[in-house]
């Protein structure tokens, strides 16, 4: 006799960001981000028989860039596993899809921390049947630069048990200027031996600040 199977589908939400725009503004204008100033304070030396005049010059660099994070917006199907006294683990490293943080704020230092959280997983057929979020594990994977921008971001937690509270996974510290980092995490679920068959849905949320 075949053992009943079920699969778990996990959705995700994402925040999107903006672009970096640099502009030169007249002296005295309001500035945002980094300011660069050039000024000569020593009197000029005229050529023989001539004269000279010094004019201080200043300019500002501003930005409309923001800190943003993106993740898969379509449903991610983690696979299927058996219950009925057996209990299996479904899912694998890298099965979630890419998560990317882009920091276009032009700051020094440019620091941020990305977090992840999740809801419980509810049976779409019988909503009273739930697999707790604590049965799911998040595998961060390798962090790499993204979108043509550099990065020195590092993994804070290579593996963690998911919960409803945000947990730190990737961090950028002490960087100078625009940067972007991406990683492709995986989610595994330890199916309880007494789980009821059906399709289980939940929402995984990535945030950055």
C-alpha atoms as a PDB file:
ATOM      1  CA  UNK A   1       0.000   0.000   0.000  1.00  0.00           C
ATOM      2  CA  UNK A   2       1.374   3.445  -0.930  1.00  0.00           C
ATOM      3  CA  UNK A   3       1.952   5.985   1.805  1.00  0.00           C
ATOM      4  CA  UNK A   4       0.156   9.283   1.277  1.00  0.00           C
ATOM      5  CA  UNK A   5       2.325  12.181   0.179  1.00  0.00           C
ATOM      6  CA  UNK A   6       1.994  15.917   0.481  1.00  0.00           C
ATOM      7  CA  UNK A   7       3.968  18.873  -0.728  1.00  0.00           C
ATOM      8  CA  UNK A   8       4.648  22.227   0.871  1.00  0.00           C
ATOM      9  CA  UNK A   9       4.558  25.452  -1.118  1.00  0.00           C
ATOM     10  CA  UNK A  10       6.125  28.552   0.347  1.00  0.00           C
ATOM     11  CA  UNK A  11       5.564  32.073  -0.883  1.00  0.00           C
ATOM     12  CA  UNK A  12       7.734  35.133  -0.263  1.00  0.00           C
ATOM     13  CA  UNK A  13       7.390  38.874  -0.161  1.00  0.00           C
ATOM     14  CA  UNK A  14       9.928  41.467  -1.202  1.00  0.00           C
ATOM     15  CA  UNK A  15      10.681  45.130  -0.977  1.00  0.00           C
ATOM     16  CA  UNK A  16      12.040  46.976  -3.979  1.00  0.00           C
ATOM     17  CA  UNK A  17      14.326  49.956  -4.106  1.00  0.00           C
ATOM     18  CA  UNK A  18      15.437  52.863  -6.217  1.00  0.00           C
ATOM     19  CA  UNK A  19      18.347  54.088  -8.277  1.00  0.00           C
ATOM     20  CA  UNK A  20      21.330  56.236  -7.465  1.00  0.00           C
ATOM     21  CA  UNK A  21      21.273  59.671  -9.069  1.00  0.00           C
ATOM     22  CA  UNK A  22      24.191  62.084  -8.655  1.00  0.00           C
ATOM     23  CA  UNK A  23      23.865  65.762  -9.470  1.00  0.00           C
ATOM     24  CA  UNK A  24      25.948  68.900  -9.092  1.00  0.00           C
ATOM     25  CA  UNK A  25      24.199  71.775  -7.288  1.00  0.00           C
ATOM     26  CA  UNK A  26      25.099  75.445  -6.832  1.00  0.00           C
ATOM     27  CA  UNK A  27      26.972  76.535  -3.700  1.00  0.00           C
ATOM     28  CA  UNK A  28      24.615  76.892  -0.741  1.00  0.00           C
ATOM     29  CA  UNK A  29      22.092  74.260  -1.908  1.00  0.00           C
ATOM     30  CA  UNK A  30      20.915  71.583   0.536  1.00  0.00           C
ATOM     31  CA  UNK A  31      22.964  68.407   0.375  1.00  0.00           C
ATOM     32  CA  UNK A  32      22.287  64.735   1.047  1.00  0.00           C
ATOM     33  CA  UNK A  33      24.804  61.941   1.325  1.00  0.00           C
ATOM     34  CA  UNK A  34      28.480  62.733   0.782  1.00  0.00           C
ATOM     35  CA  UNK A  35      29.781  66.291   0.228  1.00  0.00           C
ATOM     36  CA  UNK A  36      33.047  67.116  -1.494  1.00  0.00           C
ATOM     37  CA  UNK A  37      34.588  70.596  -1.175  1.00  0.00           C
ATOM     38  CA  UNK A  38      37.405  72.194  -3.146  1.00  0.00           C
ATOM     39  CA  UNK A  39      38.760  75.564  -2.101  1.00  0.00           C
ATOM     40  CA  UNK A  40      42.043  77.386  -2.499  1.00  0.00           C
ATOM     41  CA  UNK A  41      43.039  79.243   0.614  1.00  0.00           C
ATOM     42  CA  UNK A  42      46.475  80.457  -0.453  1.00  0.00           C
ATOM     43  CA  UNK A  43      46.637  83.639  -2.529  1.00  0.00           C
ATOM     44  CA  UNK A  44      47.519  83.192  -6.174  1.00  0.00           C
ATOM     45  CA  UNK A  45      50.926  84.152  -7.584  1.00  0.00           C
ATOM     46  CA  UNK A  46      50.613  86.322 -10.716  1.00  0.00           C
ATOM     47  CA  UNK A  47      52.706  85.807 -13.773  1.00  0.00           C
ATOM     48  CA  UNK A  48      55.475  88.327 -14.294  1.00  0.00           C
ATOM     49  CA  UNK A  49      53.947  91.645 -15.147  1.00  0.00           C
ATOM     50  CA  UNK A  50      50.415  90.311 -14.724  1.00  0.00           C
ATOM     51  CA  UNK A  51      47.712  89.769 -12.082  1.00  0.00           C
ATOM     52  CA  UNK A  52      45.551  86.953 -10.800  1.00  0.00           C
ATOM     53  CA  UNK A  53      42.363  86.380  -8.804  1.00  0.00           C
ATOM     54  CA  UNK A  54      41.291  83.465  -6.603  1.00  0.00           C
ATOM     55  CA  UNK A  55      37.700  82.132  -6.571  1.00  0.00           C
ATOM     56  CA  UNK A  56      36.752  79.402  -4.056  1.00  0.00           C
ATOM     57  CA  UNK A  57      34.702  76.601  -5.672  1.00  0.00           C
ATOM     58  CA  UNK A  58      32.420  74.055  -3.967  1.00  0.00           C
ATOM     59  CA  UNK A  59      30.096  71.312  -5.155  1.00  0.00           C
ATOM     60  CA  UNK A  60      27.826  68.685  -3.618  1.00  0.00           C
ATOM     61  CA  UNK A  61      27.016  65.085  -4.464  1.00  0.00           C
ATOM     62  CA  UNK A  62      23.452  64.011  -3.617  1.00  0.00           C
ATOM     63  CA  UNK A  63      21.526  60.809  -4.118  1.00  0.00           C
ATOM     64  CA  UNK A  64      17.973  59.539  -4.412  1.00  0.00           C
ATOM     65  CA  UNK A  65      19.230  55.998  -3.866  1.00  0.00           C
ATOM     66  CA  UNK A  66      17.785  53.746  -1.164  1.00  0.00           C
ATOM     67  CA  UNK A  67      18.466  50.484   0.647  1.00  0.00           C
ATOM     68  CA  UNK A  68      16.327  47.713  -0.915  1.00  0.00           C
ATOM     69  CA  UNK A  69      15.862  43.947  -0.878  1.00  0.00           C
ATOM     70  CA  UNK A  70      14.314  41.626  -3.461  1.00  0.00           C
ATOM     71  CA  UNK A  71      13.295  37.961  -3.252  1.00  0.00           C
ATOM     72  CA  UNK A  72      11.171  35.570  -5.357  1.00  0.00           C
ATOM     73  CA  UNK A  73       7.599  36.832  -5.642  1.00  0.00           C
ATOM     74  CA  UNK A  74       6.102  33.676  -7.122  1.00  0.00           C
ATOM     75  CA  UNK A  75       5.288  30.592  -5.062  1.00  0.00           C
ATOM     76  CA  UNK A  76       8.316  28.412  -4.300  1.00  0.00           C
ATOM     77  CA  UNK A  77       7.470  24.700  -4.207  1.00  0.00           C
ATOM     78  CA  UNK A  78       9.778  22.926  -1.752  1.00  0.00           C
ATOM     79  CA  UNK A  79       8.729  19.448  -2.850  1.00  0.00           C
ATOM     80  CA  UNK A  80       6.906  16.630  -1.059  1.00  0.00           C
ATOM     81  CA  UNK A  81       7.419  14.117   1.723  1.00  0.00           C
ATOM     82  CA  UNK A  82       5.644  11.246   3.477  1.00  0.00           C
ATOM     83  CA  UNK A  83       3.937  11.192   6.872  1.00  0.00           C
ATOM     84  CA  UNK A  84       1.972   8.383   8.604  1.00  0.00           C
ATOM     85  CA  UNK A  85       4.502   7.495  11.260  1.00  0.00           C
ATOM     86  CA  UNK A  86       7.454   7.890   8.910  1.00  0.00           C
ATOM     87  CA  UNK A  87       8.307  11.586   8.876  1.00  0.00           C
ATOM     88  CA  UNK A  88      10.699  12.925   6.244  1.00  0.00           C
ATOM     89  CA  UNK A  89      12.690  16.066   5.499  1.00  0.00           C
ATOM     90  CA  UNK A  90      11.845  17.895   2.307  1.00  0.00           C
ATOM     91  CA  UNK A  91      13.648  20.749   0.570  1.00  0.00           C
ATOM     92  CA  UNK A  92      17.319  21.346  -0.246  1.00  0.00           C
ATOM     93  CA  UNK A  93      20.016  24.046  -0.222  1.00  0.00           C
ATOM     94  CA  UNK A  94      19.459  26.680  -2.921  1.00  0.00           C
ATOM     95  CA  UNK A  95      15.803  25.756  -3.579  1.00  0.00           C
ATOM     96  CA  UNK A  96      14.364  29.147  -2.600  1.00  0.00           C
ATOM     97  CA  UNK A  97      15.767  31.426  -5.314  1.00  0.00           C
ATOM     98  CA  UNK A  98      17.959  34.518  -5.166  1.00  0.00           C
ATOM     99  CA  UNK A  99      17.698  37.146  -2.435  1.00  0.00           C
ATOM    100  CA  UNK A 100      19.469  40.433  -3.255  1.00  0.00           C
ATOM    101  CA  UNK A 101      20.224  43.532  -1.204  1.00  0.00           C
ATOM    102  CA  UNK A 102      21.099  46.719  -3.104  1.00  0.00           C
ATOM    103  CA  UNK A 103      22.415  49.746  -1.218  1.00  0.00           C
ATOM    104  CA  UNK A 104      22.424  52.884  -3.401  1.00  0.00           C
ATOM    105  CA  UNK A 105      22.568  55.396  -0.549  1.00  0.00           C
ATOM    106  CA  UNK A 106      26.189  56.375  -1.205  1.00  0.00           C
ATOM    107  CA  UNK A 107      27.136  56.280   2.476  1.00  0.00           C
ATOM    108  CA  UNK A 108      30.425  55.884   4.303  1.00  0.00           C
ATOM    109  CA  UNK A 109      30.158  53.632   6.172  1.00  0.00           C
ATOM    110  CA  UNK A 110      27.464  51.742   4.269  1.00  0.00           C
ATOM    111  CA  UNK A 111      26.171  49.192   6.778  1.00  0.00           C
ATOM    112  CA  UNK A 112      23.060  46.999   6.730  1.00  0.00           C
ATOM    113  CA  UNK A 113      21.702  43.710   8.087  1.00  0.00           C
ATOM    114  CA  UNK A 114      19.291  41.370   6.293  1.00  0.00           C
ATOM    115  CA  UNK A 115      16.833  39.223   8.265  1.00  0.00           C
ATOM    116  CA  UNK A 116      14.407  36.383   7.556  1.00  0.00           C
ATOM    117  CA  UNK A 117      11.196  35.218   9.241  1.00  0.00           C
ATOM    118  CA  UNK A 118       8.283  32.946   8.348  1.00  0.00           C
ATOM    119  CA  UNK A 119       4.719  32.094   9.203  1.00  0.00           C
ATOM    120  CA  UNK A 120       3.540  28.630  10.174  1.00  0.00           C
ATOM    121  CA  UNK A 121       2.591  26.321   7.295  1.00  0.00           C
ATOM    122  CA  UNK A 122      -1.163  25.760   7.017  1.00  0.00           C
ATOM    123  CA  UNK A 123      -2.901  22.932   5.178  1.00  0.00           C
ATOM    124  CA  UNK A 124      -4.847  24.499   2.292  1.00  0.00           C
ATOM    125  CA  UNK A 125      -7.472  21.735   2.448  1.00  0.00           C
ATOM    126  CA  UNK A 126      -8.016  21.606   6.213  1.00  0.00           C
ATOM    127  CA  UNK A 127      -6.871  24.899   7.728  1.00  0.00           C
ATOM    128  CA  UNK A 128      -6.871  23.448  11.224  1.00  0.00           C
ATOM    129  CA  UNK A 129      -3.845  21.328  10.331  1.00  0.00           C
ATOM    130  CA  UNK A 130      -0.591  23.246  10.735  1.00  0.00           C
ATOM    131  CA  UNK A 131       3.098  22.393  10.523  1.00  0.00           C
ATOM    132  CA  UNK A 132       4.896  24.786  12.903  1.00  0.00           C
ATOM    133  CA  UNK A 133       7.467  27.194  11.497  1.00  0.00           C
ATOM    134  CA  UNK A 134       9.984  25.756  13.971  1.00  0.00           C
ATOM    135  CA  UNK A 135      10.054  22.587  11.839  1.00  0.00           C
ATOM    136  CA  UNK A 136      11.659  24.597   8.995  1.00  0.00           C
ATOM    137  CA  UNK A 137      15.376  25.323   8.612  1.00  0.00           C
ATOM    138  CA  UNK A 138      16.915  28.198   6.595  1.00  0.00           C
ATOM    139  CA  UNK A 139      20.255  27.493   4.874  1.00  0.00           C
ATOM    140  CA  UNK A 140      21.796  30.815   3.835  1.00  0.00           C
ATOM    141  CA  UNK A 141      24.400  29.684   1.310  1.00  0.00           C
ATOM    142  CA  UNK A 142      27.216  31.774  -0.219  1.00  0.00           C
ATOM    143  CA  UNK A 143      27.033  35.577  -0.497  1.00  0.00           C
ATOM    144  CA  UNK A 144      28.347  37.250  -3.666  1.00  0.00           C
ATOM    145  CA  UNK A 145      28.457  40.793  -5.154  1.00  0.00           C
ATOM    146  CA  UNK A 146      25.469  41.693  -7.376  1.00  0.00           C
ATOM    147  CA  UNK A 147      24.175  44.136  -9.976  1.00  0.00           C
ATOM    148  CA  UNK A 148      27.682  45.145 -11.032  1.00  0.00           C
ATOM    149  CA  UNK A 149      28.388  46.628  -7.585  1.00  0.00           C
ATOM    150  CA  UNK A 150      31.061  45.492  -5.099  1.00  0.00           C
ATOM    151  CA  UNK A 151      30.302  43.935  -1.727  1.00  0.00           C
ATOM    152  CA  UNK A 152      32.031  42.704   1.407  1.00  0.00           C
ATOM    153  CA  UNK A 153      28.850  41.277   2.972  1.00  0.00           C
ATOM    154  CA  UNK A 154      29.220  38.224   5.180  1.00  0.00           C
ATOM    155  CA  UNK A 155      26.942  35.418   6.422  1.00  0.00           C
ATOM    156  CA  UNK A 156      25.874  35.833  10.043  1.00  0.00           C
ATOM    157  CA  UNK A 157      23.955  32.541  10.312  1.00  0.00           C
ATOM    158  CA  UNK A 158      24.740  29.748   7.882  1.00  0.00           C
ATOM    159  CA  UNK A 159      21.871  27.633   9.228  1.00  0.00           C
ATOM    160  CA  UNK A 160      19.007  28.669  11.487  1.00  0.00           C
ATOM    161  CA  UNK A 161      15.598  27.468  12.620  1.00  0.00           C
ATOM    162  CA  UNK A 162      12.914  29.721  11.151  1.00  0.00           C
ATOM    163  CA  UNK A 163      10.484  31.555  13.415  1.00  0.00           C
ATOM    164  CA  UNK A 164       7.963  34.359  13.325  1.00  0.00           C
ATOM    165  CA  UNK A 165      10.607  36.766  14.644  1.00  0.00           C
ATOM    166  CA  UNK A 166      13.198  38.167  12.179  1.00  0.00           C
ATOM    167  CA  UNK A 167      16.630  36.511  12.489  1.00  0.00           C
ATOM    168  CA  UNK A 168      19.866  37.999  11.115  1.00  0.00           C
ATOM    169  CA  UNK A 169      21.312  36.162   8.117  1.00  0.00           C
ATOM    170  CA  UNK A 170      23.629  38.495   6.125  1.00  0.00           C
ATOM    171  CA  UNK A 171      25.402  41.732   7.058  1.00  0.00           C
ATOM    172  CA  UNK A 172      27.438  44.476   5.384  1.00  0.00           C
ATOM    173  CA  UNK A 173      29.651  46.551   7.691  1.00  0.00           C
ATOM    174  CA  UNK A 174      32.145  49.339   7.167  1.00  0.00           C
ATOM    175  CA  UNK A 175      31.768  49.514   3.376  1.00  0.00           C
ATOM    176  CA  UNK A 176      32.290  52.787   1.494  1.00  0.00           C
ATOM    177  CA  UNK A 177      29.644  53.750  -1.094  1.00  0.00           C
ATOM    178  CA  UNK A 178      27.125  51.840  -3.191  1.00  0.00           C
ATOM    179  CA  UNK A 179      27.129  48.048  -2.842  1.00  0.00           C
ATOM    180  CA  UNK A 180      24.984  44.981  -3.530  1.00  0.00           C
ATOM    181  CA  UNK A 181      24.992  41.385  -2.326  1.00  0.00           C
ATOM    182  CA  UNK A 182      23.052  38.280  -3.321  1.00  0.00           C
ATOM    183  CA  UNK A 183      22.605  34.764  -1.953  1.00  0.00           C
ATOM    184  CA  UNK A 184      20.452  31.750  -2.866  1.00  0.00           C
ATOM    185  CA  UNK A 185      19.141  30.188   0.343  1.00  0.00           C
ATOM    186  CA  UNK A 186      17.409  26.877   0.840  1.00  0.00           C
ATOM    187  CA  UNK A 187      14.556  25.863   3.126  1.00  0.00           C
ATOM    188  CA  UNK A 188      14.040  22.378   4.492  1.00  0.00           C
ATOM    189  CA  UNK A 189      11.044  21.153   6.503  1.00  0.00           C
ATOM    190  CA  UNK A 190      11.079  18.235   8.917  1.00  0.00           C
ATOM    191  CA  UNK A 191       7.644  16.731   8.299  1.00  0.00           C
ATOM    192  CA  UNK A 192       6.022  15.598  11.566  1.00  0.00           C
ATOM    193  CA  UNK A 193       5.217  11.896  11.638  1.00  0.00           C
ATOM    194  CA  UNK A 194       1.562  12.692  12.384  1.00  0.00           C
ATOM    195  CA  UNK A 195       1.173  15.328   9.643  1.00  0.00           C
ATOM    196  CA  UNK A 196      -2.122  15.332   7.722  1.00  0.00           C
ATOM    197  CA  UNK A 197      -1.846  14.982   3.949  1.00  0.00           C
ATOM    198  CA  UNK A 198      -2.385  18.103   1.860  1.00  0.00           C
ATOM    199  CA  UNK A 199      -0.665  21.157   0.433  1.00  0.00           C
ATOM    200  CA  UNK A 200       0.816  23.426   3.100  1.00  0.00           C
ATOM    201  CA  UNK A 201       1.283  27.148   2.475  1.00  0.00           C
ATOM    202  CA  UNK A 202       3.264  29.797   4.316  1.00  0.00           C
ATOM    203  CA  UNK A 203       5.036  33.094   3.725  1.00  0.00           C
ATOM    204  CA  UNK A 204       8.751  33.709   4.147  1.00  0.00           C
ATOM    205  CA  UNK A 205       9.727  37.365   4.622  1.00  0.00           C
ATOM    206  CA  UNK A 206      13.165  38.907   4.033  1.00  0.00           C
ATOM    207  CA  UNK A 207      13.892  42.397   5.356  1.00  0.00           C
ATOM    208  CA  UNK A 208      16.896  44.731   5.432  1.00  0.00           C
ATOM    209  CA  UNK A 209      17.781  47.730   7.562  1.00  0.00           C
END
